[in-house]
Structure formats: C-alpha cells, structure tokens
Amino acid sequence: MPEPEGVIHQLYMERQLPPKVAEVARTQGEDPDRTSLMIEELRDMIYEKGECIPHRIDDDYLVKFLRARFWNVHHAYNLMVRYYAFRESNPEFYENVNPMALRSLGDDDIISISPYRDQEGRRVICFKFGKWRPSKIPIVDLFRATMLLLEVGSLEPQSQVLGGIGIMDLEGLTLNHAWNLTPAVAQKMLALLATSM
C-alpha cells in the first residue's frame, strides 16, 4: 500500500523548541536563565561522585537526562547512573550493532515508530510481538532494535520534553514466544524499564 503523501519520517533536531513545547518544558522546570547552572551542577556531580563514567558530558547530552527528570539534578544523576549500569551489564545490546541487520524487525512490522505523534505530542513506538519469529530473529535483536530506537529518539529535543509511549500488541503470541521469555530476559526487561523511569 503506498504511503500517504505528507507523511515524513524524520527527527526534528532543532534546539529551539516550538512555543507549545517550550511552555510544557517551563512547567516541567526548564528555566532558560538557570539551564547553564543546572547543567554545570550535574557535570560537577558526575565528577565528584564518580559512580558512572559517561561517554559524553557535553551540554546537549546532559540536558536529555535533566529533561527526563524535570530538571531535578539529583534525579537526573541517578537516572544516568542506572542508565550506565544497564549499558555495562548488557554490552550485547550496544556493541557492534548494525542497524541494517535489524531492518527485518521493521519490515516484518514487529517494531515500528509511527510517523505521527499522539494527541499529547509524544512519539509512539509499537511492538507486535505475535509477529516475531524466534527461530528467525533472536531476542537480543529485539533488545538491540529497541535500544537503538530509544537512543535515537532521545536525541530529539521535542521528545525529551514530551516523552514517548509504547504500545504492545500481543495478538498472535504463542507458547513458542513464551519459551523465549526466560527469567533472565524478564530481568533485562525490568532493568531496561528502570533506566527509563
């Protein structure tokens, strides 16, 4: 089926937030007069506490953690510590990931991002686990694709403010799927959620 005209699949990387999104950001504690100070406070906390060693500490990168925690520096720091602990515990989700090798997850409509935002302006990611064929696609690839989409999406300033939602469609889920959802996999799913909450 041809794609409707006017549907664009792209990230909006413009640093300047649209007026309505900027207003939401203000209600979440984002204050342009204090932004630099709070970024510096988070950076200092990273150096002082030393609980994680981020691969980046530039302003744009730190802002995404601050926005995720409504500009509470301590909460942003704790999120960063959990995020890096998850990365260190699960290197298979981050190292040597080839996005083109994961393309079948999109082609088979297992994981997709809607080109449209919901009524609150949030990005929408859809998981159709019943379409996943464990014999064809290892579960590690589901994690890799999810992490890749979350990482890319978290770079978008508008999504940093408005967030995103996930829809899990379990139609077609079978015992074969359940056999692949081992306790270790469930533990990784919970750990992933902890890095996002």
N, C-alpha and C. Protein backbone atom coordinates (compact mmCIF):
# COMPACT_ATOMS: atom_id res chain seq x y z
N MET A 1 0.85 -1.17 0.00
CA MET A 1 0.00 0.00 0.00
C MET A 1 0.89 1.23 0.00
N PRO A 2 0.65 2.19 -0.89
CA PRO A 2 1.50 3.37 -0.93
C PRO A 2 1.31 4.22 0.33
N GLU A 3 2.38 4.88 0.68
CA GLU A 3 2.34 5.73 1.86
C GLU A 3 1.60 7.03 1.53
N PRO A 4 0.75 7.51 2.46
CA PRO A 4 0.05 8.76 2.20
C PRO A 4 1.03 9.91 2.01
N GLU A 5 0.67 10.82 1.13
CA GLU A 5 1.52 11.99 0.91
C GLU A 5 1.57 12.84 2.18
N GLY A 6 2.70 13.46 2.39
CA GLY A 6 2.84 14.35 3.53
C GLY A 6 3.31 13.67 4.80
N VAL A 7 3.43 12.35 4.80
CA VAL A 7 3.93 11.65 5.98
C VAL A 7 5.44 11.65 5.92
N ILE A 8 6.05 12.20 6.96
CA ILE A 8 7.50 12.34 6.97
C ILE A 8 8.07 11.54 8.14
N HIS A 9 9.06 10.73 7.85
CA HIS A 9 9.77 10.00 8.89
C HIS A 9 11.11 10.71 9.11
N GLN A 10 11.17 11.55 10.09
CA GLN A 10 12.42 12.23 10.38
C GLN A 10 12.41 12.70 11.82
N LEU A 11 13.60 12.93 12.33
CA LEU A 11 13.75 13.52 13.65
C LEU A 11 13.81 15.03 13.50
N TYR A 12 13.30 15.71 14.47
CA TYR A 12 13.38 17.17 14.49
C TYR A 12 14.44 17.55 15.53
N MET A 13 15.61 17.87 15.04
CA MET A 13 16.75 18.11 15.92
C MET A 13 16.94 19.58 16.26
N GLU A 14 16.00 20.41 15.86
CA GLU A 14 16.07 21.84 16.15
C GLU A 14 16.13 22.05 17.66
N ARG A 15 17.15 22.78 18.13
CA ARG A 15 17.30 23.02 19.56
C ARG A 15 16.20 23.92 20.10
N GLN A 16 15.77 24.87 19.27
CA GLN A 16 14.71 25.79 19.67
C GLN A 16 13.39 25.02 19.68
N LEU A 17 12.78 24.91 20.85
CA LEU A 17 11.52 24.17 20.97
C LEU A 17 10.37 24.99 20.39
N PRO A 18 9.39 24.34 19.75
CA PRO A 18 8.19 25.06 19.32
C PRO A 18 7.53 25.70 20.55
N PRO A 19 6.82 26.81 20.38
CA PRO A 19 6.25 27.54 21.53
C PRO A 19 5.44 26.67 22.49
N LYS A 20 4.58 25.80 21.99
CA LYS A 20 3.76 24.97 22.88
C LYS A 20 4.62 23.99 23.67
N VAL A 21 5.64 23.46 23.03
CA VAL A 21 6.54 22.52 23.71
C VAL A 21 7.40 23.27 24.72
N ALA A 22 7.82 24.48 24.38
CA ALA A 22 8.61 25.30 25.31
C ALA A 22 7.80 25.60 26.56
N GLU A 23 6.49 25.81 26.40
CA GLU A 23 5.63 26.06 27.56
C GLU A 23 5.55 24.82 28.45
N VAL A 24 5.43 23.65 27.84
CA VAL A 24 5.43 22.40 28.62
C VAL A 24 6.76 22.27 29.35
N ALA A 25 7.86 22.57 28.66
CA ALA A 25 9.18 22.48 29.28
C ALA A 25 9.27 23.40 30.50
N ARG A 26 8.71 24.59 30.39
CA ARG A 26 8.72 25.52 31.54
C ARG A 26 7.94 24.94 32.72
N THR A 27 6.80 24.31 32.44
CA THR A 27 6.02 23.72 33.54
C THR A 27 6.74 22.54 34.17
N GLN A 28 7.70 21.96 33.45
CA GLN A 28 8.49 20.84 33.97
C GLN A 28 9.76 21.31 34.68
N GLY A 29 9.95 22.61 34.77
CA GLY A 29 11.10 23.13 35.50
C GLY A 29 12.23 23.66 34.65
N GLU A 30 12.06 23.67 33.33
CA GLU A 30 13.12 24.18 32.46
C GLU A 30 13.07 25.71 32.48
N ASP A 31 14.16 26.30 32.91
CA ASP A 31 14.26 27.76 33.03
C ASP A 31 15.50 28.21 32.27
N PRO A 32 15.31 28.88 31.12
CA PRO A 32 16.47 29.30 30.32
C PRO A 32 17.51 30.10 31.11
N ASP A 33 17.07 30.79 32.16
CA ASP A 33 18.01 31.58 32.97
C ASP A 33 18.87 30.69 33.87
N ARG A 34 18.43 29.46 34.11
CA ARG A 34 19.16 28.58 35.02
C ARG A 34 19.73 27.34 34.34
N THR A 35 19.46 27.18 33.05
CA THR A 35 19.88 25.97 32.33
C THR A 35 21.37 25.71 32.46
N SER A 36 22.18 26.69 32.18
CA SER A 36 23.64 26.51 32.24
C SER A 36 24.10 26.12 33.63
N LEU A 37 23.52 26.74 34.64
CA LEU A 37 23.88 26.44 36.02
C LEU A 37 23.54 24.99 36.38
N MET A 38 22.38 24.52 35.96
CA MET A 38 21.96 23.16 36.30
C MET A 38 22.78 22.12 35.53
N ILE A 39 23.12 22.43 34.29
CA ILE A 39 23.99 21.53 33.52
C ILE A 39 25.34 21.41 34.22
N GLU A 40 25.88 22.53 34.65
CA GLU A 40 27.17 22.52 35.33
C GLU A 40 27.08 21.77 36.66
N GLU A 41 25.97 21.93 37.36
CA GLU A 41 25.78 21.21 38.62
C GLU A 41 25.76 19.69 38.39
N LEU A 42 25.08 19.26 37.33
CA LEU A 42 25.06 17.83 37.00
C LEU A 42 26.46 17.34 36.61
N ARG A 43 27.15 18.12 35.81
CA ARG A 43 28.51 17.74 35.39
C ARG A 43 29.42 17.62 36.62
N ASP A 44 29.33 18.58 37.54
CA ASP A 44 30.14 18.52 38.76
C ASP A 44 29.81 17.28 39.59
N MET A 45 28.53 16.95 39.68
CA MET A 45 28.11 15.78 40.44
C MET A 45 28.69 14.50 39.84
N ILE A 46 28.73 14.43 38.52
CA ILE A 46 29.31 13.27 37.84
C ILE A 46 30.77 13.11 38.24
N TYR A 47 31.52 14.22 38.22
CA TYR A 47 32.94 14.17 38.58
C TYR A 47 33.14 13.85 40.06
N GLU A 48 32.33 14.49 40.92
CA GLU A 48 32.51 14.33 42.36
C GLU A 48 32.16 12.93 42.84
N LYS A 49 31.03 12.40 42.39
CA LYS A 49 30.57 11.10 42.89
C LYS A 49 31.26 9.94 42.19
N GLY A 50 31.54 10.09 40.92
CA GLY A 50 32.27 9.06 40.18
C GLY A 50 31.59 7.70 40.08
N GLU A 51 30.26 7.66 40.21
CA GLU A 51 29.54 6.37 40.14
C GLU A 51 29.35 5.88 38.71
N CYS A 52 29.53 6.75 37.76
CA CYS A 52 29.45 6.34 36.35
C CYS A 52 30.41 7.20 35.54
N ILE A 53 30.81 6.67 34.42
CA ILE A 53 31.71 7.41 33.53
C ILE A 53 31.00 7.54 32.18
N PRO A 54 30.26 8.63 32.00
CA PRO A 54 29.53 8.79 30.74
C PRO A 54 30.47 8.95 29.56
N HIS A 55 30.03 8.47 28.41
CA HIS A 55 30.85 8.62 27.21
C HIS A 55 30.78 10.03 26.66
N ARG A 56 29.84 10.82 27.15
CA ARG A 56 29.72 12.23 26.77
C ARG A 56 29.30 13.03 28.00
N ILE A 57 29.76 14.27 28.08
CA ILE A 57 29.26 15.17 29.12
C ILE A 57 29.02 16.57 28.56
N ASP A 58 28.81 16.64 27.24
CA ASP A 58 28.50 17.94 26.64
C ASP A 58 27.10 18.37 27.07
N ASP A 59 26.81 19.65 26.90
CA ASP A 59 25.55 20.22 27.36
C ASP A 59 24.33 19.50 26.80
N ASP A 60 24.30 19.27 25.48
CA ASP A 60 23.13 18.63 24.87
C ASP A 60 22.86 17.26 25.46
N TYR A 61 23.91 16.52 25.73
CA TYR A 61 23.75 15.17 26.28
C TYR A 61 23.20 15.23 27.71
N LEU A 62 23.73 16.12 28.52
CA LEU A 62 23.27 16.23 29.90
C LEU A 62 21.84 16.76 29.98
N VAL A 63 21.47 17.63 29.04
CA VAL A 63 20.11 18.18 29.03
C VAL A 63 19.07 17.07 28.89
N LYS A 64 19.37 16.04 28.11
CA LYS A 64 18.37 14.98 27.94
C LYS A 64 18.09 14.25 29.25
N PHE A 65 19.08 14.11 30.12
CA PHE A 65 18.86 13.50 31.44
C PHE A 65 18.13 14.47 32.36
N LEU A 66 18.47 15.75 32.29
CA LEU A 66 17.78 16.74 33.11
C LEU A 66 16.31 16.86 32.72
N ARG A 67 16.04 16.88 31.43
CA ARG A 67 14.64 16.97 30.99
C ARG A 67 13.86 15.73 31.41
N ALA A 68 14.49 14.58 31.37
CA ALA A 68 13.81 13.33 31.75
C ALA A 68 13.42 13.33 33.22
N ARG A 69 14.06 14.15 34.02
CA ARG A 69 13.77 14.23 35.45
C ARG A 69 13.31 15.62 35.87
N PHE A 70 12.70 16.32 34.93
CA PHE A 70 12.11 17.65 35.19
C PHE A 70 13.08 18.59 35.89
N TRP A 71 14.33 18.52 35.46
CA TRP A 71 15.39 19.43 35.90
C TRP A 71 15.75 19.29 37.37
N ASN A 72 15.49 18.12 37.94
CA ASN A 72 15.97 17.82 39.27
C ASN A 72 17.35 17.17 39.09
N VAL A 73 18.38 17.86 39.48
CA VAL A 73 19.75 17.42 39.21
C VAL A 73 20.06 16.07 39.85
N HIS A 74 19.63 15.88 41.09
CA HIS A 74 19.91 14.60 41.78
C HIS A 74 19.21 13.44 41.08
N HIS A 75 17.96 13.64 40.68
CA HIS A 75 17.23 12.58 39.98
C HIS A 75 17.84 12.31 38.61
N ALA A 76 18.28 13.36 37.93
CA ALA A 76 18.92 13.19 36.62
C ALA A 76 20.22 12.40 36.78
N TYR A 77 20.97 12.69 37.83
CA TYR A 77 22.20 11.96 38.09
C TYR A 77 21.91 10.48 38.36
N ASN A 78 20.90 10.21 39.19
CA ASN A 78 20.54 8.82 39.50
C ASN A 78 20.09 8.07 38.24
N LEU A 79 19.36 8.74 37.37
CA LEU A 79 18.96 8.13 36.10
C LEU A 79 20.19 7.79 35.27
N MET A 80 21.14 8.70 35.24
CA MET A 80 22.36 8.47 34.46
C MET A 80 23.14 7.27 35.02
N VAL A 81 23.21 7.16 36.34
CA VAL A 81 23.91 6.03 36.96
C VAL A 81 23.23 4.72 36.57
N ARG A 82 21.89 4.67 36.64
CA ARG A 82 21.16 3.45 36.26
C ARG A 82 21.34 3.15 34.78
N TYR A 83 21.32 4.19 33.96
CA TYR A 83 21.48 4.03 32.52
C TYR A 83 22.83 3.39 32.20
N TYR A 84 23.90 3.92 32.79
CA TYR A 84 25.23 3.37 32.51
C TYR A 84 25.43 2.00 33.14
N ALA A 85 24.80 1.73 34.27
CA ALA A 85 24.87 0.39 34.86
C ALA A 85 24.21 -0.62 33.92
N PHE A 86 23.09 -0.23 33.31
CA PHE A 86 22.41 -1.11 32.36
C PHE A 86 23.29 -1.36 31.14
N ARG A 87 23.89 -0.29 30.63
CA ARG A 87 24.78 -0.44 29.46
C ARG A 87 25.95 -1.37 29.76
N GLU A 88 26.55 -1.20 30.93
CA GLU A 88 27.70 -2.03 31.30
C GLU A 88 27.30 -3.48 31.52
N SER A 89 26.10 -3.70 32.05
CA SER A 89 25.62 -5.06 32.30
C SER A 89 25.14 -5.77 31.04
N ASN A 90 24.85 -5.00 30.00
CA ASN A 90 24.27 -5.56 28.78
C ASN A 90 24.98 -5.05 27.53
N PRO A 91 26.28 -5.29 27.43
CA PRO A 91 27.02 -4.75 26.28
C PRO A 91 26.53 -5.31 24.94
N GLU A 92 25.91 -6.49 24.96
CA GLU A 92 25.44 -7.09 23.71
C GLU A 92 24.34 -6.27 23.04
N PHE A 93 23.71 -5.37 23.78
CA PHE A 93 22.66 -4.52 23.20
C PHE A 93 23.24 -3.27 22.54
N TYR A 94 24.50 -2.97 22.81
CA TYR A 94 25.10 -1.71 22.36
C TYR A 94 26.31 -1.88 21.45
N GLU A 95 27.06 -2.95 21.63
CA GLU A 95 28.31 -3.11 20.88
C GLU A 95 28.06 -3.82 19.55
N ASN A 96 28.73 -3.33 18.52
CA ASN A 96 28.66 -3.93 17.18
C ASN A 96 27.23 -4.08 16.66
N VAL A 97 26.41 -3.09 16.93
CA VAL A 97 25.02 -3.11 16.45
C VAL A 97 24.99 -2.53 15.04
N ASN A 98 24.44 -3.29 14.12
CA ASN A 98 24.31 -2.85 12.73
C ASN A 98 22.83 -2.58 12.46
N PRO A 99 22.43 -1.32 12.36
CA PRO A 99 21.01 -1.01 12.14
C PRO A 99 20.42 -1.72 10.93
N MET A 100 21.19 -1.87 9.87
CA MET A 100 20.65 -2.53 8.68
C MET A 100 20.37 -4.01 8.93
N ALA A 101 21.11 -4.62 9.83
CA ALA A 101 20.86 -6.03 10.17
C ALA A 101 19.57 -6.19 10.96
N LEU A 102 19.08 -5.10 11.54
CA LEU A 102 17.85 -5.13 12.32
C LEU A 102 16.63 -4.71 11.50
N ARG A 103 16.86 -4.41 10.27
CA ARG A 103 15.79 -3.89 9.42
C ARG A 103 14.58 -4.82 9.32
N SER A 104 14.82 -6.12 9.38
CA SER A 104 13.71 -7.08 9.25
C SER A 104 12.67 -6.88 10.35
N LEU A 105 13.07 -6.35 11.50
CA LEU A 105 12.11 -6.08 12.57
C LEU A 105 11.09 -5.03 12.14
N GLY A 106 11.53 -4.07 11.35
CA GLY A 106 10.60 -3.09 10.80
C GLY A 106 9.87 -3.62 9.60
N ASP A 107 10.60 -4.30 8.72
CA ASP A 107 9.97 -4.87 7.52
C ASP A 107 8.86 -5.85 7.87
N ASP A 108 9.06 -6.63 8.93
CA ASP A 108 8.05 -7.61 9.37
C ASP A 108 7.02 -6.99 10.31
N ASP A 109 7.11 -5.68 10.53
CA ASP A 109 6.16 -4.93 11.37
C ASP A 109 6.16 -5.42 12.82
N ILE A 110 7.33 -5.83 13.30
CA ILE A 110 7.45 -6.28 14.69
C ILE A 110 7.64 -5.08 15.61
N ILE A 111 8.51 -4.16 15.19
CA ILE A 111 8.75 -2.92 15.93
C ILE A 111 8.66 -1.78 14.93
N SER A 112 7.89 -0.76 15.28
CA SER A 112 7.78 0.39 14.38
C SER A 112 7.56 1.66 15.18
N ILE A 113 7.92 2.76 14.56
CA ILE A 113 7.67 4.09 15.12
C ILE A 113 6.66 4.75 14.20
N SER A 114 5.60 5.24 14.80
CA SER A 114 4.59 5.93 14.00
C SER A 114 5.16 7.26 13.50
N PRO A 115 4.86 7.62 12.25
CA PRO A 115 5.30 8.93 11.77
C PRO A 115 4.49 10.06 12.41
N TYR A 116 3.41 9.69 13.08
CA TYR A 116 2.54 10.68 13.74
C TYR A 116 2.77 10.63 15.25
N ARG A 117 2.58 11.76 15.89
CA ARG A 117 2.64 11.81 17.34
C ARG A 117 1.22 11.64 17.90
N ASP A 118 1.13 11.28 19.17
CA ASP A 118 -0.20 11.17 19.78
C ASP A 118 -0.74 12.56 20.10
N GLN A 119 -1.92 12.63 20.70
CA GLN A 119 -2.58 13.91 20.95
C GLN A 119 -1.80 14.80 21.92
N GLU A 120 -0.88 14.21 22.69
CA GLU A 120 -0.04 14.99 23.61
C GLU A 120 1.29 15.38 22.97
N GLY A 121 1.51 14.97 21.72
CA GLY A 121 2.75 15.30 21.02
C GLY A 121 3.87 14.30 21.23
N ARG A 122 3.56 13.16 21.84
CA ARG A 122 4.58 12.16 22.14
C ARG A 122 4.81 11.24 20.94
N ARG A 123 6.04 10.74 20.82
CA ARG A 123 6.37 9.71 19.83
C ARG A 123 5.69 8.41 20.26
N VAL A 124 5.35 7.58 19.28
CA VAL A 124 4.67 6.32 19.55
C VAL A 124 5.49 5.17 18.95
N ILE A 125 5.88 4.23 19.79
CA ILE A 125 6.58 3.02 19.33
C ILE A 125 5.63 1.84 19.52
N CYS A 126 5.51 1.03 18.49
CA CYS A 126 4.60 -0.12 18.52
C CYS A 126 5.39 -1.42 18.45
N PHE A 127 5.05 -2.33 19.35
CA PHE A 127 5.64 -3.66 19.37
C PHE A 127 4.53 -4.66 19.07
N LYS A 128 4.71 -5.47 18.05
CA LYS A 128 3.75 -6.53 17.70
C LYS A 128 4.47 -7.86 17.88
N PHE A 129 4.49 -8.31 19.13
CA PHE A 129 5.29 -9.48 19.47
C PHE A 129 4.78 -10.77 18.83
N GLY A 130 3.49 -10.83 18.49
CA GLY A 130 2.96 -12.02 17.83
C GLY A 130 3.53 -12.23 16.44
N LYS A 131 4.08 -11.17 15.84
CA LYS A 131 4.68 -11.29 14.50
C LYS A 131 6.15 -11.72 14.55
N TRP A 132 6.71 -11.70 15.75
CA TRP A 132 8.12 -12.09 15.93
C TRP A 132 8.26 -13.60 15.79
N ARG A 133 9.22 -14.02 15.01
CA ARG A 133 9.54 -15.45 14.83
C ARG A 133 10.88 -15.72 15.49
N PRO A 134 10.86 -16.28 16.72
CA PRO A 134 12.10 -16.53 17.45
C PRO A 134 13.13 -17.36 16.69
N SER A 135 12.67 -18.24 15.81
CA SER A 135 13.61 -19.06 15.04
C SER A 135 14.34 -18.24 13.99
N LYS A 136 13.76 -17.10 13.61
CA LYS A 136 14.35 -16.24 12.58
C LYS A 136 15.11 -15.06 13.19
N ILE A 137 14.59 -14.52 14.27
CA ILE A 137 15.16 -13.31 14.87
C ILE A 137 15.43 -13.58 16.35
N PRO A 138 16.69 -13.55 16.79
CA PRO A 138 16.99 -13.78 18.21
C PRO A 138 16.46 -12.63 19.07
N ILE A 139 16.14 -12.96 20.31
CA ILE A 139 15.57 -11.97 21.21
C ILE A 139 16.53 -10.80 21.45
N VAL A 140 17.84 -11.08 21.38
CA VAL A 140 18.81 -9.99 21.56
C VAL A 140 18.60 -8.91 20.50
N ASP A 141 18.15 -9.30 19.31
CA ASP A 141 17.89 -8.30 18.27
C ASP A 141 16.68 -7.43 18.60
N LEU A 142 15.69 -7.98 19.32
CA LEU A 142 14.57 -7.15 19.77
C LEU A 142 15.07 -6.07 20.73
N PHE A 143 15.95 -6.48 21.65
CA PHE A 143 16.53 -5.51 22.58
C PHE A 143 17.37 -4.48 21.83
N ARG A 144 18.20 -4.96 20.90
CA ARG A 144 19.07 -4.04 20.15
C ARG A 144 18.25 -2.99 19.40
N ALA A 145 17.22 -3.45 18.72
CA ALA A 145 16.39 -2.51 17.96
C ALA A 145 15.69 -1.53 18.89
N THR A 146 15.18 -2.03 20.00
CA THR A 146 14.51 -1.15 20.97
C THR A 146 15.49 -0.11 21.50
N MET A 147 16.68 -0.55 21.88
CA MET A 147 17.67 0.39 22.42
C MET A 147 18.07 1.41 21.37
N LEU A 148 18.24 0.96 20.14
CA LEU A 148 18.61 1.87 19.05
C LEU A 148 17.54 2.94 18.86
N LEU A 149 16.28 2.52 18.82
CA LEU A 149 15.19 3.48 18.64
C LEU A 149 15.08 4.44 19.82
N LEU A 150 15.25 3.92 21.03
CA LEU A 150 15.19 4.79 22.21
C LEU A 150 16.36 5.79 22.22
N GLU A 151 17.55 5.31 21.87
CA GLU A 151 18.72 6.20 21.84
C GLU A 151 18.53 7.32 20.81
N VAL A 152 18.10 6.95 19.61
CA VAL A 152 17.92 7.96 18.56
C VAL A 152 16.80 8.91 18.96
N GLY A 153 15.70 8.37 19.45
CA GLY A 153 14.58 9.22 19.85
C GLY A 153 14.93 10.17 20.97
N SER A 154 15.82 9.75 21.87
CA SER A 154 16.18 10.61 23.00
C SER A 154 17.05 11.80 22.58
N LEU A 155 17.51 11.80 21.35
CA LEU A 155 18.30 12.94 20.85
C LEU A 155 17.40 14.09 20.42
N GLU A 156 16.14 13.82 20.20
CA GLU A 156 15.21 14.82 19.68
C GLU A 156 14.71 15.71 20.83
N PRO A 157 15.04 17.00 20.83
CA PRO A 157 14.65 17.88 21.93
C PRO A 157 13.15 17.85 22.26
N GLN A 158 12.30 17.83 21.26
CA GLN A 158 10.86 17.82 21.50
C GLN A 158 10.45 16.54 22.24
N SER A 159 11.04 15.42 21.89
CA SER A 159 10.73 14.16 22.57
C SER A 159 11.31 14.11 23.97
N GLN A 160 12.41 14.82 24.20
CA GLN A 160 12.97 14.90 25.54
C GLN A 160 11.97 15.55 26.49
N VAL A 161 11.22 16.50 25.99
CA VAL A 161 10.24 17.22 26.81
C VAL A 161 8.93 16.44 26.90
N LEU A 162 8.42 16.00 25.76
CA LEU A 162 7.09 15.39 25.71
C LEU A 162 7.10 13.89 25.99
N GLY A 163 8.24 13.25 25.76
CA GLY A 163 8.35 11.82 26.00
C GLY A 163 7.80 10.98 24.87
N GLY A 164 7.57 9.74 25.17
CA GLY A 164 7.04 8.81 24.18
C GLY A 164 6.19 7.77 24.87
N ILE A 165 5.46 7.02 24.08
CA ILE A 165 4.65 5.93 24.63
C ILE A 165 4.91 4.67 23.83
N GLY A 166 4.71 3.55 24.47
CA GLY A 166 4.86 2.26 23.80
C GLY A 166 3.54 1.52 23.79
N ILE A 167 3.23 0.92 22.67
CA ILE A 167 2.03 0.10 22.54
C ILE A 167 2.51 -1.33 22.30
N MET A 168 2.05 -2.24 23.12
CA MET A 168 2.43 -3.65 22.98
C MET A 168 1.22 -4.44 22.54
N ASP A 169 1.27 -4.90 21.30
CA ASP A 169 0.21 -5.71 20.72
C ASP A 169 0.61 -7.17 20.89
N LEU A 170 -0.16 -7.90 21.68
CA LEU A 170 0.17 -9.29 21.99
C LEU A 170 -0.63 -10.29 21.16
N GLU A 171 -1.37 -9.80 20.17
CA GLU A 171 -2.13 -10.69 19.30
C GLU A 171 -1.17 -11.66 18.61
N GLY A 172 -1.53 -12.92 18.62
CA GLY A 172 -0.70 -13.93 17.96
C GLY A 172 0.42 -14.48 18.82
N LEU A 173 0.51 -14.04 20.07
CA LEU A 173 1.55 -14.53 20.97
C LEU A 173 1.28 -16.01 21.28
N THR A 174 2.30 -16.84 21.21
CA THR A 174 2.14 -18.28 21.41
C THR A 174 3.08 -18.79 22.50
N LEU A 175 2.96 -20.07 22.79
CA LEU A 175 3.88 -20.69 23.75
C LEU A 175 5.32 -20.63 23.26
N ASN A 176 5.51 -20.69 21.95
CA ASN A 176 6.86 -20.57 21.39
C ASN A 176 7.49 -19.24 21.79
N HIS A 177 6.70 -18.18 21.77
CA HIS A 177 7.20 -16.88 22.21
C HIS A 177 7.52 -16.93 23.71
N ALA A 178 6.60 -17.52 24.48
CA ALA A 178 6.78 -17.57 25.94
C ALA A 178 8.05 -18.32 26.33
N TRP A 179 8.39 -19.39 25.58
CA TRP A 179 9.60 -20.15 25.88
C TRP A 179 10.85 -19.29 25.75
N ASN A 180 10.79 -18.28 24.91
CA ASN A 180 11.94 -17.41 24.70
C ASN A 180 12.01 -16.27 25.71
N LEU A 181 10.95 -16.09 26.48
CA LEU A 181 10.92 -15.05 27.50
C LEU A 181 11.31 -15.67 28.84
N THR A 182 12.57 -15.99 28.97
CA THR A 182 13.11 -16.65 30.16
C THR A 182 13.18 -15.67 31.32
N PRO A 183 13.40 -16.15 32.55
CA PRO A 183 13.58 -15.24 33.68
C PRO A 183 14.71 -14.23 33.45
N ALA A 184 15.78 -14.65 32.80
CA ALA A 184 16.89 -13.72 32.52
C ALA A 184 16.44 -12.61 31.58
N VAL A 185 15.62 -12.96 30.59
CA VAL A 185 15.10 -11.95 29.66
C VAL A 185 14.16 -11.01 30.41
N ALA A 186 13.30 -11.56 31.26
CA ALA A 186 12.38 -10.73 32.04
C ALA A 186 13.16 -9.76 32.94
N GLN A 187 14.24 -10.24 33.52
CA GLN A 187 15.07 -9.39 34.37
C GLN A 187 15.67 -8.24 33.57
N LYS A 188 16.12 -8.53 32.35
CA LYS A 188 16.67 -7.47 31.49
C LYS A 188 15.59 -6.46 31.11
N MET A 189 14.37 -6.94 30.87
CA MET A 189 13.27 -6.03 30.55
C MET A 189 12.99 -5.08 31.72
N LEU A 190 12.98 -5.63 32.93
CA LEU A 190 12.76 -4.79 34.11
C LEU A 190 13.90 -3.80 34.30
N ALA A 191 15.12 -4.24 34.08
CA ALA A 191 16.27 -3.34 34.19
C ALA A 191 16.18 -2.23 33.16
N LEU A 192 15.73 -2.57 31.96
CA LEU A 192 15.55 -1.56 30.91
C LEU A 192 14.51 -0.54 31.35
N LEU A 193 13.40 -1.00 31.91
CA LEU A 193 12.38 -0.08 32.39
C LEU A 193 12.92 0.84 33.48
N ALA A 194 13.78 0.31 34.34
CA ALA A 194 14.35 1.12 35.43
C ALA A 194 15.23 2.24 34.90
N THR A 195 15.82 2.06 33.71
CA THR A 195 16.64 3.12 33.14
C THR A 195 15.78 4.19 32.50
N SER A 196 14.48 3.89 32.34
CA SER A 196 13.58 4.82 31.66
C SER A 196 12.60 5.48 32.62
N MET A 197 12.62 5.10 33.89
CA MET A 197 11.63 5.62 34.83
C MET A 197 12.26 6.52 35.87
